[in-house]
Protein backbone atom coordinates (compact mmCIF):
# COMPACT_ATOMS: atom_id res chain seq x y z
CA UNK A 1 18.60 4.84 6.10
CA UNK A 2 18.88 5.07 9.87
CA UNK A 3 20.95 2.91 12.19
CA UNK A 4 19.27 0.12 14.18
CA UNK A 5 18.31 0.96 17.76
CA UNK A 6 17.92 -0.76 21.10
CA UNK A 7 17.65 0.48 24.70
CA UNK A 8 20.48 1.44 27.04
CA UNK A 9 19.54 -0.56 30.16
CA UNK A 10 17.00 -3.13 31.38
CA UNK A 11 13.72 -1.82 32.83
CA UNK A 12 10.86 -3.66 34.51
CA UNK A 13 7.14 -3.27 35.03
CA UNK A 14 4.35 -5.51 36.31
CA UNK A 15 0.61 -5.82 36.07
CA UNK A 16 -2.28 -8.10 35.16
CA UNK A 17 -2.93 -9.83 31.84
CA UNK A 18 -6.17 -8.51 30.40
CA UNK A 19 -7.37 -11.91 29.13
CA UNK A 20 -5.77 -14.38 31.55
CA UNK A 21 -6.08 -12.24 34.68
CA UNK A 22 -2.64 -13.51 35.78
CA UNK A 23 -0.04 -11.37 37.51
CA UNK A 24 2.99 -10.84 35.30
CA UNK A 25 6.38 -9.15 35.60
CA UNK A 26 8.02 -7.93 32.40
CA UNK A 27 11.62 -6.83 31.80
CA UNK A 28 12.84 -5.33 28.53
CA UNK A 29 16.59 -5.43 27.95
CA UNK A 30 19.06 -4.37 25.23
CA UNK A 31 19.70 -6.79 22.36
CA UNK A 32 22.46 -6.87 19.70
CA UNK A 33 21.94 -5.65 16.13
CA UNK A 34 19.84 -7.90 13.86
CA UNK A 35 18.21 -9.62 16.84
CA UNK A 36 14.75 -8.19 16.37
CA UNK A 37 12.39 -8.49 19.33
CA UNK A 38 12.57 -11.78 21.22
CA UNK A 39 10.27 -12.84 24.06
CA UNK A 40 11.72 -15.06 26.80
CA UNK A 41 9.47 -17.06 29.15
CA UNK A 42 11.47 -16.93 32.41
CA UNK A 43 8.85 -18.96 34.28
CA UNK A 44 9.50 -22.08 32.18
CA UNK A 45 12.50 -24.38 32.48
CA UNK A 46 15.13 -23.50 29.90
CA UNK A 47 13.64 -20.01 29.41
CA UNK A 48 12.35 -20.68 25.87
CA UNK A 49 12.79 -17.84 23.40
CA UNK A 50 10.10 -16.79 20.91
CA UNK A 51 11.15 -14.32 18.17
CA UNK A 52 8.59 -11.82 16.92
CA UNK A 53 7.95 -13.23 13.46
CA UNK A 54 4.97 -14.26 11.37
CA UNK A 55 6.42 -17.77 11.56
CA UNK A 56 5.48 -18.01 15.22
CA UNK A 57 2.00 -16.43 15.20
CA UNK A 58 -0.60 -18.63 16.88
CA UNK A 59 -4.40 -18.45 16.58
CA UNK A 60 -5.92 -16.27 19.31
CA UNK A 61 -9.04 -14.30 20.12
CA UNK A 62 -8.86 -10.51 20.36
CA UNK A 63 -5.07 -10.25 20.60
CA UNK A 64 -1.82 -11.15 18.88
CA UNK A 65 -0.07 -14.27 20.19
CA UNK A 66 3.22 -15.94 19.28
CA UNK A 67 4.46 -19.34 20.35
CA UNK A 68 6.96 -22.12 19.82
CA UNK A 69 6.95 -25.76 20.97
CA UNK A 70 3.75 -25.27 22.95
CA UNK A 71 4.98 -22.15 24.76
CA UNK A 72 3.12 -18.91 24.03
CA UNK A 73 3.09 -15.20 24.83
CA UNK A 74 -0.24 -13.41 24.38
CA UNK A 75 -1.31 -9.79 23.90
CA UNK A 76 2.04 -8.55 22.65
CA UNK A 77 0.73 -5.89 20.25
CA UNK A 78 0.87 -2.84 22.55
CA UNK A 79 4.52 -3.34 23.50
CA UNK A 80 5.38 -4.03 19.86
CA UNK A 81 3.60 -0.83 18.82
CA UNK A 82 5.57 1.15 21.42
CA UNK A 83 8.86 -0.24 20.12
CA UNK A 84 7.90 0.42 16.49
CA UNK A 85 6.65 3.92 17.29
CA UNK A 86 10.00 4.75 18.88
CA UNK A 87 11.99 3.10 16.05
CA UNK A 88 13.43 0.48 18.42
CA UNK A 89 14.43 -2.64 16.51
CA UNK A 90 16.20 -4.99 18.94
CA UNK A 91 14.96 -6.06 22.37
CA UNK A 92 14.89 -9.01 24.73
CA UNK A 93 11.57 -9.15 26.57
CA UNK A 94 11.48 -11.40 29.64
CA UNK A 95 8.09 -12.39 31.09
CA UNK A 96 7.10 -14.76 33.87
CA UNK A 97 3.59 -15.53 32.59
CA UNK A 98 1.88 -16.37 29.27
CA UNK A 99 0.54 -12.84 28.74
CA UNK A 100 1.91 -9.30 28.87
CA UNK A 101 0.50 -6.88 31.47
CA UNK A 102 -2.36 -4.74 30.21
CA UNK A 103 -1.26 -1.70 32.28
CA UNK A 104 -3.73 1.03 31.25
CA UNK A 105 -4.82 -0.68 28.02
CA UNK A 106 -2.73 1.53 25.74
CA UNK A 107 0.86 1.64 24.52
CA UNK A 108 1.70 4.79 26.51
CA UNK A 109 3.05 3.00 29.63
CA UNK A 110 5.33 0.89 27.39
CA UNK A 111 6.52 4.06 25.63
CA UNK A 112 7.32 5.57 29.02
CA UNK A 113 9.16 2.40 30.06
CA UNK A 114 11.31 2.35 26.91
CA UNK A 115 12.06 6.05 27.21
CA UNK A 116 13.09 5.51 30.84
CA UNK A 117 15.55 2.86 29.60
CA UNK A 118 17.02 5.29 27.08
CA UNK A 119 17.39 4.62 23.36
CA UNK A 120 20.76 3.64 21.92
CA UNK A 121 21.86 3.72 18.28
CA UNK A 122 23.73 0.64 17.05
CA UNK A 123 26.46 0.09 14.46
CA UNK A 124 24.22 -1.54 11.84
CA UNK A 125 21.94 0.05 9.26
CA UNK A 126 18.27 -0.87 9.38
CA UNK A 127 16.69 -2.70 6.45
CA UNK A 128 13.27 -1.58 5.20
CA UNK A 129 10.64 -3.52 3.29
CA UNK A 130 9.41 -1.25 0.48
CA UNK A 131 6.12 -2.10 -1.22
CA UNK A 132 6.30 -1.84 -5.02
CA UNK A 133 2.93 -3.44 -5.97
CA UNK A 134 -0.42 -3.33 -4.12
CA UNK A 135 -1.51 -6.24 -1.91
CA UNK A 136 -5.02 -6.69 -0.49
CA UNK A 137 -6.77 -9.17 1.80
CA UNK A 138 -10.50 -9.21 2.52
CA UNK A 139 -13.01 -10.97 4.76
CA UNK A 140 -16.59 -10.06 3.91
CA UNK A 141 -16.92 -6.30 4.45
CA UNK A 142 -13.50 -6.16 6.12
CA UNK A 143 -10.55 -5.11 3.99
CA UNK A 144 -6.91 -4.13 4.34
CA UNK A 145 -4.68 -2.98 1.49
CA UNK A 146 -1.07 -1.87 1.23
CA UNK A 147 0.15 0.20 -1.71
CA UNK A 148 3.45 1.73 -2.85
CA UNK A 149 4.18 5.11 -1.24
CA UNK A 150 7.29 7.21 -0.55
CA UNK A 151 6.67 7.10 3.22
CA UNK A 152 4.87 4.96 5.81
CA UNK A 153 1.19 5.86 6.20
CA UNK A 154 -1.98 4.31 7.63
CA UNK A 155 -5.60 5.21 6.94
CA UNK A 156 -7.95 3.28 9.21
CA UNK A 157 -11.77 3.31 9.11
CA UNK A 158 -14.13 1.67 11.61
CA UNK A 159 -17.93 1.61 11.81
CA UNK A 160 -19.78 0.50 14.92
CA UNK A 161 -23.51 0.91 15.55
CA UNK A 162 -22.98 2.82 18.79
CA UNK A 163 -23.69 6.51 19.52
CA UNK A 164 -20.17 7.14 20.83
CA UNK A 165 -18.39 5.39 17.99
CA UNK A 166 -20.21 5.26 14.64
CA UNK A 167 -17.90 5.75 11.67
CA UNK A 168 -14.41 7.00 12.49
CA UNK A 169 -11.46 7.51 10.14
CA UNK A 170 -7.89 8.32 11.13
CA UNK A 171 -4.98 9.21 8.84
CA UNK A 172 -1.56 8.56 10.34
CA UNK A 173 1.77 9.45 8.77
CA UNK A 174 4.75 7.86 10.50
CA UNK A 175 6.26 10.19 13.08
CA UNK A 176 7.66 9.49 16.53
CA UNK A 177 6.10 12.62 17.99
CA UNK A 178 2.70 11.90 16.47
CA UNK A 179 2.81 8.31 17.68
CA UNK A 180 3.74 9.32 21.24
CA UNK A 181 1.14 12.08 21.50
CA UNK A 182 -1.74 10.92 19.30
CA UNK A 183 -1.64 7.11 19.03
CA UNK A 184 0.12 5.55 22.04
CA UNK A 185 -2.40 6.84 24.65
CA UNK A 186 -5.43 5.30 22.87
CA UNK A 187 -6.84 2.45 24.98
CA UNK A 188 -8.34 -0.88 24.05
CA UNK A 189 -12.13 -0.91 24.10
CA UNK A 190 -15.01 -3.35 24.37
CA UNK A 191 -18.78 -3.57 24.66
CA UNK A 192 -20.47 -4.50 27.92
CA UNK A 193 -22.81 -6.90 26.11
CA UNK A 194 -19.77 -8.92 24.97
CA UNK A 195 -18.25 -9.41 28.42
CA UNK A 196 -20.13 -12.62 29.22
CA UNK A 197 -19.12 -14.05 25.84
CA UNK A 198 -15.49 -13.28 26.63
CA UNK A 199 -15.76 -14.94 30.03
CA UNK A 200 -17.24 -18.06 28.46
CA UNK A 201 -14.21 -18.18 26.15
CA UNK A 202 -11.86 -17.83 29.12
CA UNK A 203 -10.91 -14.28 28.12
CA UNK A 204 -11.21 -10.83 29.63
CA UNK A 205 -10.52 -12.16 33.14
CA UNK A 206 -8.19 -9.25 33.91
CA UNK A 207 -10.25 -6.57 32.18
CA UNK A 208 -11.42 -3.55 34.18
CA UNK A 209 -12.26 0.11 33.80
CA UNK A 210 -8.59 0.79 34.60
CA UNK A 211 -7.36 -0.94 31.42
CA UNK A 212 -10.34 -0.97 29.03
CA UNK A 213 -12.78 1.57 27.63
CA UNK A 214 -16.13 -0.17 28.16
CA UNK A 215 -19.26 0.83 26.28
CA UNK A 216 -22.78 0.06 27.41
CA UNK A 217 -25.67 0.30 24.95
CA UNK A 218 -26.27 3.88 26.08
CA UNK A 219 -22.80 5.28 26.65
CA UNK A 220 -19.46 5.00 28.44
CA UNK A 221 -18.87 3.32 31.79
CA UNK A 222 -15.46 4.93 32.40
CA UNK A 223 -15.97 7.95 34.68
CA UNK A 224 -12.82 9.66 33.38
CA UNK A 225 -14.22 9.70 29.84
CA UNK A 226 -12.33 9.34 26.57
CA UNK A 227 -8.80 10.54 25.91
CA UNK A 228 -9.76 11.46 22.34
CA UNK A 229 -13.14 11.78 20.67
CA UNK A 230 -11.95 9.18 18.16
CA UNK A 231 -9.97 7.07 20.64
CA UNK A 232 -11.49 3.88 19.19
CA UNK A 233 -10.02 4.20 15.70
CA UNK A 234 -6.73 5.48 17.09
CA UNK A 235 -6.41 2.26 19.08
CA UNK A 236 -7.00 0.28 15.89
CA UNK A 237 -4.08 2.17 14.32
CA UNK A 238 -1.99 1.30 17.39
CA UNK A 239 -2.83 -2.41 17.05
CA UNK A 240 -1.94 -2.38 13.35
CA UNK A 241 1.43 -0.74 14.02
CA UNK A 242 2.20 -3.46 16.55
CA UNK A 243 1.03 -6.29 14.31
CA UNK A 244 3.10 -5.12 11.35
CA UNK A 245 6.29 -5.72 13.34
CA UNK A 246 5.65 -9.41 12.60
CA UNK A 247 7.24 -8.70 9.20
CA UNK A 248 10.67 -8.34 10.81
CA UNK A 249 11.44 -5.01 9.13
CA UNK A 250 9.81 -1.57 9.01
CA UNK A 251 7.53 -1.08 6.00
CA UNK A 252 7.54 1.73 3.46
CA UNK A 253 4.06 1.87 1.98
CA UNK A 254 0.51 3.12 2.56
CA UNK A 255 -1.95 0.87 4.41
CA UNK A 256 -5.70 1.35 4.14
CA UNK A 257 -7.75 -0.68 6.64
CA UNK A 258 -11.56 -0.85 6.68
CA UNK A 259 -13.34 -2.60 9.59
CA UNK A 260 -10.19 -4.63 10.11
CA UNK A 261 -8.62 -6.23 13.20
CA UNK A 262 -5.82 -8.50 14.40
CA UNK A 263 -6.80 -11.45 12.20
CA UNK A 264 -6.72 -9.41 9.00
CA UNK A 265 -3.55 -7.58 10.07
CA UNK A 266 -1.81 -10.95 10.41
CA UNK A 267 -3.18 -12.14 7.07
CA UNK A 268 -1.80 -9.02 5.40
CA UNK A 269 1.63 -9.57 6.92
CA UNK A 270 1.54 -13.19 5.74
CA UNK A 271 0.44 -12.20 2.23
CA UNK A 272 3.19 -9.59 1.99
CA UNK A 273 5.90 -12.12 2.80
CA UNK A 274 4.41 -14.62 0.36
CA UNK A 275 4.33 -12.03 -2.45
CA UNK A 276 8.05 -11.66 -3.06
CA UNK A 277 7.56 -9.78 -6.34
CA UNK A 278 5.51 -7.08 -4.55
CA UNK A 279 8.32 -5.66 -2.40
CA UNK A 280 12.03 -5.01 -2.25
CA UNK A 281 14.44 -4.66 0.63
CA UNK A 282 16.07 -1.27 0.98
CA UNK A 283 19.23 -0.86 3.02
CA UNK A 284 22.44 1.11 2.95
CA UNK A 285 24.16 -2.27 3.27
CA UNK A 286 21.97 -3.84 0.54
CA UNK A 287 21.38 -7.04 2.54
CA UNK A 288 18.66 -8.07 4.96
CA UNK A 289 19.44 -9.38 8.46
CA UNK A 290 19.61 -13.17 8.29
CA UNK A 291 16.47 -14.94 9.42
CA UNK A 292 14.44 -11.79 9.99
CA UNK A 293 12.13 -12.14 6.97
CA UNK A 294 10.14 -15.32 6.66
CA UNK A 295 7.71 -16.61 4.02
CA UNK A 296 5.02 -18.56 5.93
CA UNK A 297 3.62 -21.91 4.82
CA UNK A 298 0.00 -22.02 3.51
CA UNK A 299 -1.12 -23.76 6.72
CA UNK A 300 -0.17 -20.67 8.76
CA UNK A 301 -1.82 -18.22 6.40
CA UNK A 302 -5.05 -20.20 6.66
CA UNK A 303 -4.98 -20.54 10.47
CA UNK A 304 -8.32 -19.47 12.00
CA UNK A 305 -8.12 -16.31 14.07
CA UNK A 306 -10.83 -13.95 15.20
CA UNK A 307 -10.62 -10.19 15.83
């Protein structure tokens, strides 16, 4: 069991929210052991704090959003994936807008930011959530399952009727190096025909070819091309890694996702925490950090959310 980790010093970046189009400045700072990741809205009186927890997930389109008392932070999954991929457990994240900056649409700029801050080991062992019985959630032809396994693994399959995508499958076994090199650079993607629908929903206002891979019916609009031939499924793995941080502890188990997305990721996290006889906590100290694992009420599990 490793020790918990945070960063050594505060670091800042800025950019545009991909859905809101708003300018936003973000600062990540060290946090004490057992804090988890906590977002702080510096632009609101009292600087309300929102812990990363399934308890605070709010319905949202095409992203993961948390909120408390009417205050929200949207599109948090890429930063969360960067922290998880680097085994960083405790952070304060200050933002001055309701959405994180998209940067280049991947987790790589957040990885670079956290590495610039330096990673510090703390004097507390990390607790892991180990799956001991399978759990599955479905929605039509979409499915996501987690099973017992000796390590953390993800197998993700997508299938889009597009010549550049089609069926893609990616097998990921947890590794910092693999995450940094093979997962973090994968960018978010979308289809040109869906842009007007997003605009009508008040989303995608900050989207551009600098932060999104955009597909027309015939091909790719981005002149610089793809970073990987299977960049699309790799980004789905990235999103899942970020969304699983909502559990409040790293997971030991094997996840298989088929045509899944944020909504089903959140449902799986909720189902895991409901199913107390399907997992155990593993720690050198034999106790979980207080308040970090939460069993959500049925109303939250049933909250409508689209991918």
